[in-house]
Protein backbone atom coordinates (compact mmCIF):
# COMPACT_ATOMS: atom_id res chain seq x y z
CA MET A 1 143.86 -19.81 -37.16
CA LYS A 2 142.03 -22.07 -39.58
CA VAL A 3 143.92 -22.81 -42.82
CA LYS A 4 143.40 -25.39 -45.56
CA VAL A 5 146.67 -27.00 -46.71
CA ARG A 6 146.99 -28.90 -49.99
CA PHE A 7 149.84 -31.16 -51.12
CA PHE A 8 150.65 -31.94 -54.74
CA ALA A 9 152.85 -34.35 -56.72
CA SER A 10 155.53 -36.16 -54.69
CA LEU A 11 154.63 -34.24 -51.51
CA LYS A 12 151.20 -35.82 -51.62
CA GLU A 13 152.83 -39.25 -51.87
CA TYR A 14 155.21 -38.62 -48.95
CA VAL A 15 152.50 -37.22 -46.69
CA GLY A 16 149.95 -39.86 -47.70
CA ARG A 17 147.11 -37.42 -48.29
CA ASP A 18 146.26 -34.54 -50.54
CA GLY A 19 145.51 -32.04 -47.80
CA LEU A 20 144.52 -31.24 -44.28
CA GLU A 21 142.83 -28.56 -42.20
CA ILE A 22 145.00 -26.71 -39.70
CA ASN A 23 143.36 -25.02 -36.74
CA ALA A 24 146.36 -23.66 -34.86
CA ILE A 25 148.40 -20.55 -34.30
CA PHE A 26 151.73 -20.44 -36.09
CA SER A 27 154.18 -17.59 -36.03
CA PRO A 28 154.95 -15.74 -38.08
CA ALA A 29 151.66 -15.97 -39.99
CA THR A 30 153.48 -16.44 -43.28
CA VAL A 31 154.23 -19.28 -45.67
CA ALA A 32 157.55 -19.83 -43.85
CA GLY A 33 155.77 -19.93 -40.48
CA LEU A 34 153.23 -22.44 -41.75
CA ARG A 35 155.97 -24.59 -43.30
CA ALA A 36 157.87 -24.60 -39.97
CA TYR A 37 154.67 -25.51 -38.08
CA LEU A 38 153.92 -28.36 -40.49
CA CYS A 39 157.48 -29.70 -40.21
CA ALA A 40 157.21 -29.70 -36.41
CA GLU A 41 153.75 -31.27 -36.24
CA TYR A 42 153.83 -33.67 -39.21
CA PRO A 43 157.04 -35.73 -39.48
CA ASP A 44 156.01 -37.03 -42.93
CA PHE A 45 155.90 -33.45 -44.22
CA ALA A 46 159.32 -32.71 -42.71
CA ARG A 47 160.72 -35.85 -44.34
CA ALA A 48 159.19 -34.86 -47.67
CA ILE A 49 160.76 -31.41 -47.47
CA SER A 50 164.18 -32.91 -46.79
CA GLU A 51 163.83 -35.45 -49.62
CA VAL A 52 162.30 -33.17 -52.24
CA GLY A 53 164.40 -30.11 -51.42
CA ARG A 54 163.02 -26.79 -52.54
CA VAL A 55 159.23 -26.62 -52.26
CA ARG A 56 157.05 -23.99 -53.92
CA ALA A 57 153.90 -22.55 -52.37
CA ALA A 58 150.73 -20.79 -53.44
CA VAL A 59 148.32 -18.88 -51.22
CA ASN A 60 144.75 -18.75 -52.50
CA GLN A 61 146.03 -19.94 -55.89
CA ASP A 62 148.61 -17.14 -56.24
CA MET A 63 152.31 -18.03 -56.24
CA ALA A 64 153.86 -17.12 -52.91
CA ASP A 65 157.25 -16.79 -51.27
CA ASP A 66 158.27 -17.37 -47.66
CA GLU A 67 157.20 -13.86 -46.60
CA THR A 68 153.69 -14.05 -48.07
CA PRO A 69 151.09 -13.60 -45.31
CA VAL A 70 148.72 -16.46 -44.54
CA ALA A 71 145.35 -15.17 -43.33
CA GLU A 72 142.47 -16.92 -41.60
CA HIS A 73 140.67 -19.35 -43.95
CA ALA A 74 143.44 -19.21 -46.57
CA GLU A 75 144.23 -22.15 -48.80
CA VAL A 76 147.94 -22.85 -49.00
CA ALA A 77 149.29 -25.33 -51.54
CA PHE A 78 152.76 -26.85 -51.38
CA PHE A 79 154.35 -28.55 -54.38
CA PRO A 80 157.80 -29.45 -55.69
CA PRO A 81 159.25 -27.48 -58.59
CA VAL A 82 157.82 -28.72 -61.88
CA THR A 83 159.69 -29.11 -65.11
CA GLY A 84 158.10 -29.64 -68.43
CA GLY A 85 158.64 -29.55 -72.11
């Protein structure tokens, strides 16, 4: 499955890039499945997750939870929680 992954804020700094293209099968085909795949295949992403803690996701620019399906050619963005004022 081909998926575009984007990283924002401190995740981008940990991973050392703003995104990548995944062309692999991950199961389940959800945000949680993609996150697990990325942690297994990209140690910098796994380290970022452990350092940052909770990470939010969006699929095709819509906020998503762990159970949100990830379809072929989706764009999935990962970012740390943001505070503002």
